[in-house]
Amino acid sequence: MADSAADVVDDATLATRAADGDTTAFEMLLRRYSDRVFGLALRMLGDRAEAEDVAQEVFVTAWRRLAELAEPGAVRTWLFRIAHRHCLGVLRRRRDRRTDPVEELPETGGRAVGVGAGGVADPARVAEAGAGVEALRRALGGLPPPQRAVWLLAEVDGLSYAEIAEVVGASEQAVRGRLSRARTRLAEVMRPWR
């Protein structure tokens, strides 16, 4: 299948085909979700090498267990749940060691902050934006992992409360509470950047 066809085929069809051993369908799922799974892992762990390892483990696990997925249309949520569990495992294993913050986040394809329509950067705006991003990175790093996970899944990946609850293995009410506490804490820490 061509890359343009990957955009047309829905997740349920790809997951069903991949579960039946169709490597092309699995590759399409991998291309569709690898950046998002890696991004979640990177933001949760703050370490590029660990995030790459987690992303690889997620898709190895998915390939082995895709036939067990009860609802093929929920493959996105299922992949995030696997990634979340792997990230929590990494965080548990490294409690005693410290990791330096990530120097850069994955590209989103948009125009950089402080760069005008003509592609000319305003150095003051670029510096301010960079400092704001670093402040947000530190603030996210200061959140407890359960709050950080629900905030990232809601705000960055756009999952619903029900999807987040499934990913993190909590009730929707618990997700709402964690997200509310995370938003409140981030709002306090980021107040100077408003």
C-alpha atoms as a PDB file:
ATOM      1  CA  MET A   1       0.000   0.000   0.000  1.00  0.00           C
ATOM      2  CA  ALA A   2       1.216   3.498  -0.792  1.00  0.00           C
ATOM      3  CA  ASP A   3       1.773   6.148   1.883  1.00  0.00           C
ATOM      4  CA  SER A   4      -1.304   8.056   0.718  1.00  0.00           C
ATOM      5  CA  ALA A   5      -3.374   4.892   1.154  1.00  0.00           C
ATOM      6  CA  ALA A   6      -2.227   4.704   4.781  1.00  0.00           C
ATOM      7  CA  ASP A   7      -4.105   7.918   5.483  1.00  0.00           C
ATOM      8  CA  VAL A   8      -7.311   6.427   4.075  1.00  0.00           C
ATOM      9  CA  VAL A   9      -7.256   3.033   5.820  1.00  0.00           C
ATOM     10  CA  ASP A  10      -8.686   3.215   9.340  1.00  0.00           C
ATOM     11  CA  ASP A  11      -6.973   1.891  12.458  1.00  0.00           C
ATOM     12  CA  ALA A  12      -9.385  -1.015  12.899  1.00  0.00           C
ATOM     13  CA  THR A  13      -8.667  -2.364   9.420  1.00  0.00           C
ATOM     14  CA  LEU A  14      -4.917  -1.979   9.830  1.00  0.00           C
ATOM     15  CA  ALA A  15      -4.965  -3.601  13.280  1.00  0.00           C
ATOM     16  CA  THR A  16      -7.068  -6.518  12.046  1.00  0.00           C
ATOM     17  CA  ARG A  17      -4.789  -7.081   9.059  1.00  0.00           C
ATOM     18  CA  ALA A  18      -1.654  -6.777  11.202  1.00  0.00           C
ATOM     19  CA  ALA A  19      -3.085  -9.230  13.739  1.00  0.00           C
ATOM     20  CA  ASP A  20      -3.450 -11.685  10.856  1.00  0.00           C
ATOM     21  CA  GLY A  21       0.266 -11.290  10.080  1.00  0.00           C
ATOM     22  CA  ASP A  22       0.130  -8.551   7.421  1.00  0.00           C
ATOM     23  CA  THR A  23       3.478  -6.817   7.907  1.00  0.00           C
ATOM     24  CA  THR A  24       2.560  -3.997   5.523  1.00  0.00           C
ATOM     25  CA  ALA A  25      -0.465  -3.121   7.661  1.00  0.00           C
ATOM     26  CA  PHE A  26       1.692  -3.216  10.782  1.00  0.00           C
ATOM     27  CA  GLU A  27       4.267  -0.940   9.135  1.00  0.00           C
ATOM     28  CA  MET A  28       1.461   1.510   8.362  1.00  0.00           C
ATOM     29  CA  LEU A  29       0.406   1.492  12.032  1.00  0.00           C
ATOM     30  CA  LEU A  30       4.035   1.940  13.022  1.00  0.00           C
ATOM     31  CA  ARG A  31       4.427   4.955  10.715  1.00  0.00           C
ATOM     32  CA  ARG A  32       1.130   6.401  11.912  1.00  0.00           C
ATOM     33  CA  TYR A  33       1.884   6.148  15.651  1.00  0.00           C
ATOM     34  CA  SER A  34       5.645   5.812  16.187  1.00  0.00           C
ATOM     35  CA  ASP A  35       6.246   9.573  16.482  1.00  0.00           C
ATOM     36  CA  ARG A  36       3.356   9.985  18.927  1.00  0.00           C
ATOM     37  CA  VAL A  37       4.427   7.013  21.059  1.00  0.00           C
ATOM     38  CA  PHE A  38       8.025   8.267  21.038  1.00  0.00           C
ATOM     39  CA  GLY A  39       6.841  11.791  21.906  1.00  0.00           C
ATOM     40  CA  LEU A  40       4.826  10.553  24.872  1.00  0.00           C
ATOM     41  CA  ALA A  41       7.783   8.508  26.122  1.00  0.00           C
ATOM     42  CA  LEU A  42      10.193  11.408  25.618  1.00  0.00           C
ATOM     43  CA  ARG A  43       7.976  13.815  27.524  1.00  0.00           C
ATOM     44  CA  MET A  44       7.372  11.329  30.345  1.00  0.00           C
ATOM     45  CA  LEU A  45      10.978  10.226  30.689  1.00  0.00           C
ATOM     46  CA  GLY A  46      12.951  13.275  29.592  1.00  0.00           C
ATOM     47  CA  ASP A  47      15.644  11.043  28.096  1.00  0.00           C
ATOM     48  CA  ARG A  48      15.892  10.467  24.352  1.00  0.00           C
ATOM     49  CA  ALA A  49      17.648   7.082  24.533  1.00  0.00           C
ATOM     50  CA  GLU A  50      15.158   5.701  27.051  1.00  0.00           C
ATOM     51  CA  ALA A  51      12.262   7.065  24.991  1.00  0.00           C
ATOM     52  CA  GLU A  52      13.634   5.368  21.862  1.00  0.00           C
ATOM     53  CA  ASP A  53      13.931   2.097  23.787  1.00  0.00           C
ATOM     54  CA  VAL A  54      10.379   2.404  25.092  1.00  0.00           C
ATOM     55  CA  ALA A  55       8.990   3.179  21.633  1.00  0.00           C
ATOM     56  CA  GLN A  56      10.771   0.155  20.207  1.00  0.00           C
ATOM     57  CA  GLU A  57       9.474  -2.066  23.025  1.00  0.00           C
ATOM     58  CA  VAL A  58       5.936  -0.771  22.494  1.00  0.00           C
ATOM     59  CA  PHE A  59       5.898  -1.864  18.869  1.00  0.00           C
ATOM     60  CA  VAL A  60       7.609  -5.185  19.582  1.00  0.00           C
ATOM     61  CA  THR A  61       4.926  -5.846  22.212  1.00  0.00           C
ATOM     62  CA  ALA A  62       2.217  -4.695  19.827  1.00  0.00           C
ATOM     63  CA  TRP A  63       3.402  -7.019  17.064  1.00  0.00           C
ATOM     64  CA  ARG A  64       3.451  -9.974  19.450  1.00  0.00           C
ATOM     65  CA  ARG A  65       0.110  -9.218  21.109  1.00  0.00           C
ATOM     66  CA  LEU A  66      -1.982  -7.512  18.429  1.00  0.00           C
ATOM     67  CA  ALA A  67      -4.140 -10.618  18.004  1.00  0.00           C
ATOM     68  CA  GLU A  68      -5.181 -10.221  21.680  1.00  0.00           C
ATOM     69  CA  LEU A  69      -6.617  -6.737  21.080  1.00  0.00           C
ATOM     70  CA  ALA A  70     -10.358  -7.085  21.639  1.00  0.00           C
ATOM     71  CA  GLU A  71     -11.316  -3.850  19.858  1.00  0.00           C
ATOM     72  CA  PRO A  72      -9.054  -3.225  16.837  1.00  0.00           C
ATOM     73  CA  GLY A  73     -10.409   0.312  16.452  1.00  0.00           C
ATOM     74  CA  ALA A  74      -8.887   1.182  19.836  1.00  0.00           C
ATOM     75  CA  VAL A  75      -5.328   0.439  18.712  1.00  0.00           C
ATOM     76  CA  ARG A  76      -4.188   4.032  19.346  1.00  0.00           C
ATOM     77  CA  THR A  77      -5.321   3.930  22.985  1.00  0.00           C
ATOM     78  CA  TRP A  78      -3.843   0.447  23.372  1.00  0.00           C
ATOM     79  CA  LEU A  79      -0.444   1.619  22.081  1.00  0.00           C
ATOM     80  CA  PHE A  80      -0.466   4.575  24.492  1.00  0.00           C
ATOM     81  CA  ARG A  81      -1.378   2.221  27.362  1.00  0.00           C
ATOM     82  CA  ILE A  82       1.594  -0.022  26.517  1.00  0.00           C
ATOM     83  CA  ALA A  83       3.865   3.041  26.289  1.00  0.00           C
ATOM     84  CA  HIS A  84       2.577   4.385  29.605  1.00  0.00           C
ATOM     85  CA  ARG A  85       3.275   1.082  31.354  1.00  0.00           C
ATOM     86  CA  HIS A  86       6.768   0.850  29.895  1.00  0.00           C
ATOM     87  CA  CYS A  87       7.500   4.448  30.937  1.00  0.00           C
ATOM     88  CA  LEU A  88       6.341   3.783  34.490  1.00  0.00           C
ATOM     89  CA  GLY A  89       8.636   0.764  34.579  1.00  0.00           C
ATOM     90  CA  VAL A  90      11.589   2.894  33.466  1.00  0.00           C
ATOM     91  CA  LEU A  91      10.739   5.549  36.052  1.00  0.00           C
ATOM     92  CA  ARG A  92      10.606   2.909  38.795  1.00  0.00           C
ATOM     93  CA  ARG A  93      13.976   1.473  37.741  1.00  0.00           C
ATOM     94  CA  ARG A  94      15.746   4.817  37.752  1.00  0.00           C
ATOM     95  CA  ARG A  95      14.357   6.350  40.934  1.00  0.00           C
ATOM     96  CA  ASP A  96      17.831   6.493  42.416  1.00  0.00           C
ATOM     97  CA  ARG A  97      19.585   8.018  39.450  1.00  0.00           C
ATOM     98  CA  ARG A  98      19.068  11.441  37.907  1.00  0.00           C
ATOM     99  CA  THR A  99      18.671  12.113  34.189  1.00  0.00           C
ATOM    100  CA  ASP A 100      19.420  15.472  32.607  1.00  0.00           C
ATOM    101  CA  PRO A 101      16.484  17.142  30.883  1.00  0.00           C
ATOM    102  CA  VAL A 102      15.933  16.621  27.184  1.00  0.00           C
ATOM    103  CA  GLU A 103      17.675  19.240  25.104  1.00  0.00           C
ATOM    104  CA  GLU A 104      15.073  19.307  22.339  1.00  0.00           C
ATOM    105  CA  LEU A 105      11.572  18.078  21.668  1.00  0.00           C
ATOM    106  CA  PRO A 106      10.591  16.255  18.482  1.00  0.00           C
ATOM    107  CA  GLU A 107       9.614  18.458  15.553  1.00  0.00           C
ATOM    108  CA  THR A 108       5.897  19.041  15.128  1.00  0.00           C
ATOM    109  CA  GLY A 109       6.084  20.333  11.586  1.00  0.00           C
ATOM    110  CA  GLY A 110       4.928  23.844  12.508  1.00  0.00           C
ATOM    111  CA  ARG A 111       6.784  27.126  12.283  1.00  0.00           C
ATOM    112  CA  ALA A 112       9.086  27.900  15.214  1.00  0.00           C
ATOM    113  CA  VAL A 113       7.945  30.491  17.732  1.00  0.00           C
ATOM    114  CA  GLY A 114       9.435  33.874  16.976  1.00  0.00           C
ATOM    115  CA  VAL A 115       9.811  33.172  13.255  1.00  0.00           C
ATOM    116  CA  GLY A 116       7.691  35.389  11.061  1.00  0.00           C
ATOM    117  CA  ALA A 117       5.873  34.413   7.857  1.00  0.00           C
ATOM    118  CA  GLY A 118       8.953  35.349   5.826  1.00  0.00           C
ATOM    119  CA  GLY A 119      11.088  32.927   7.815  1.00  0.00           C
ATOM    120  CA  VAL A 120      12.991  35.697   9.621  1.00  0.00           C
ATOM    121  CA  ALA A 121      13.546  35.051  13.314  1.00  0.00           C
ATOM    122  CA  ASP A 122      13.127  37.735  15.968  1.00  0.00           C
ATOM    123  CA  PRO A 123      15.979  36.900  18.393  1.00  0.00           C
ATOM    124  CA  ALA A 124      14.181  38.327  21.441  1.00  0.00           C
ATOM    125  CA  ARG A 125      11.018  36.313  20.744  1.00  0.00           C
ATOM    126  CA  VAL A 126      13.027  33.157  20.039  1.00  0.00           C
ATOM    127  CA  ALA A 127      14.965  33.537  23.319  1.00  0.00           C
ATOM    128  CA  GLU A 128      11.773  34.193  25.290  1.00  0.00           C
ATOM    129  CA  ALA A 129      10.018  31.227  23.694  1.00  0.00           C
ATOM    130  CA  GLY A 130      12.991  28.982  24.415  1.00  0.00           C
ATOM    131  CA  ALA A 131      13.007  30.047  28.055  1.00  0.00           C
ATOM    132  CA  GLY A 132       9.251  29.430  28.246  1.00  0.00           C
ATOM    133  CA  VAL A 133       9.608  25.952  26.788  1.00  0.00           C
ATOM    134  CA  GLU A 134      12.390  25.177  29.261  1.00  0.00           C
ATOM    135  CA  ALA A 135      10.220  26.436  32.131  1.00  0.00           C
ATOM    136  CA  LEU A 136       7.354  24.213  30.976  1.00  0.00           C
ATOM    137  CA  ARG A 137       9.726  21.244  30.661  1.00  0.00           C
ATOM    138  CA  ARG A 138      10.928  21.795  34.248  1.00  0.00           C
ATOM    139  CA  ALA A 139       7.354  22.266  35.483  1.00  0.00           C
ATOM    140  CA  LEU A 140       6.255  19.029  33.803  1.00  0.00           C
ATOM    141  CA  GLY A 141       9.267  17.264  35.310  1.00  0.00           C
ATOM    142  CA  GLY A 142       8.140  18.448  38.738  1.00  0.00           C
ATOM    143  CA  LEU A 143       4.718  16.851  38.440  1.00  0.00           C
ATOM    144  CA  PRO A 144       4.167  13.381  39.881  1.00  0.00           C
ATOM    145  CA  PRO A 145       4.269  10.806  37.023  1.00  0.00           C
ATOM    146  CA  PRO A 146       0.505  10.054  37.165  1.00  0.00           C
ATOM    147  CA  GLN A 147      -0.355  13.755  36.772  1.00  0.00           C
ATOM    148  CA  ARG A 148       2.281  14.269  34.079  1.00  0.00           C
ATOM    149  CA  ALA A 149       0.961  11.288  32.120  1.00  0.00           C
ATOM    150  CA  VAL A 150      -2.674  12.443  32.111  1.00  0.00           C
ATOM    151  CA  TRP A 151      -1.689  16.024  31.253  1.00  0.00           C
ATOM    152  CA  LEU A 152       0.438  14.872  28.313  1.00  0.00           C
ATOM    153  CA  LEU A 153      -2.223  12.468  27.051  1.00  0.00           C
ATOM    154  CA  ALA A 154      -4.921  15.162  27.270  1.00  0.00           C
ATOM    155  CA  GLU A 155      -3.081  18.288  26.192  1.00  0.00           C
ATOM    156  CA  VAL A 156      -0.496  16.949  23.757  1.00  0.00           C
ATOM    157  CA  ASP A 157      -2.074  13.786  22.369  1.00  0.00           C
ATOM    158  CA  GLY A 158      -5.701  14.946  22.596  1.00  0.00           C
ATOM    159  CA  LEU A 159      -7.138  11.807  24.194  1.00  0.00           C
ATOM    160  CA  SER A 160     -10.559  11.900  25.847  1.00  0.00           C
ATOM    161  CA  TYR A 161     -11.026  11.251  29.581  1.00  0.00           C
ATOM    162  CA  ALA A 162     -12.283   7.747  28.776  1.00  0.00           C
ATOM    163  CA  GLU A 163      -9.256   7.001  26.584  1.00  0.00           C
ATOM    164  CA  ILE A 164      -6.857   8.355  29.199  1.00  0.00           C
ATOM    165  CA  ALA A 165      -8.570   6.289  31.892  1.00  0.00           C
ATOM    166  CA  GLU A 166      -8.031   3.197  29.771  1.00  0.00           C
ATOM    167  CA  VAL A 167      -4.378   4.070  29.109  1.00  0.00           C
ATOM    168  CA  VAL A 168      -3.441   4.754  32.734  1.00  0.00           C
ATOM    169  CA  GLY A 169      -5.714   2.137  34.288  1.00  0.00           C
ATOM    170  CA  ALA A 170      -7.766   4.533  36.389  1.00  0.00           C
ATOM    171  CA  SER A 171     -11.359   5.723  36.509  1.00  0.00           C
ATOM    172  CA  GLU A 172     -12.461   8.768  34.508  1.00  0.00           C
ATOM    173  CA  GLN A 173     -13.054  10.562  37.803  1.00  0.00           C
ATOM    174  CA  ALA A 174      -9.460   9.882  38.880  1.00  0.00           C
ATOM    175  CA  VAL A 175      -8.239  11.142  35.492  1.00  0.00           C
ATOM    176  CA  ARG A 176     -10.259  14.348  35.893  1.00  0.00           C
ATOM    177  CA  GLY A 177      -8.779  14.873  39.363  1.00  0.00           C
ATOM    178  CA  ARG A 178      -5.209  14.237  38.246  1.00  0.00           C
ATOM    179  CA  LEU A 179      -5.634  16.491  35.233  1.00  0.00           C
ATOM    180  CA  SER A 180      -7.140  19.250  37.363  1.00  0.00           C
ATOM    181  CA  ARG A 181      -4.269  19.072  39.862  1.00  0.00           C
ATOM    182  CA  ALA A 182      -1.718  19.034  37.038  1.00  0.00           C
ATOM    183  CA  ARG A 183      -3.307  22.040  35.327  1.00  0.00           C
ATOM    184  CA  THR A 184      -3.501  23.954  38.609  1.00  0.00           C
ATOM    185  CA  ARG A 185       0.155  23.249  39.423  1.00  0.00           C
ATOM    186  CA  LEU A 186       1.331  24.117  35.908  1.00  0.00           C
ATOM    187  CA  ALA A 187      -0.723  27.332  35.944  1.00  0.00           C
ATOM    188  CA  GLU A 188       0.960  28.350  39.218  1.00  0.00           C
ATOM    189  CA  VAL A 189       4.454  27.577  37.971  1.00  0.00           C
ATOM    190  CA  MET A 190       3.910  29.103  34.530  1.00  0.00           C
ATOM    191  CA  ARG A 191       2.163  32.296  35.789  1.00  0.00           C
ATOM    192  CA  PRO A 192       5.235  34.473  35.047  1.00  0.00           C
ATOM    193  CA  TRP A 193       5.070  33.342  31.402  1.00  0.00           C
ATOM    194  CA  ARG A 194       1.551  34.564  30.720  1.00  0.00           C
END
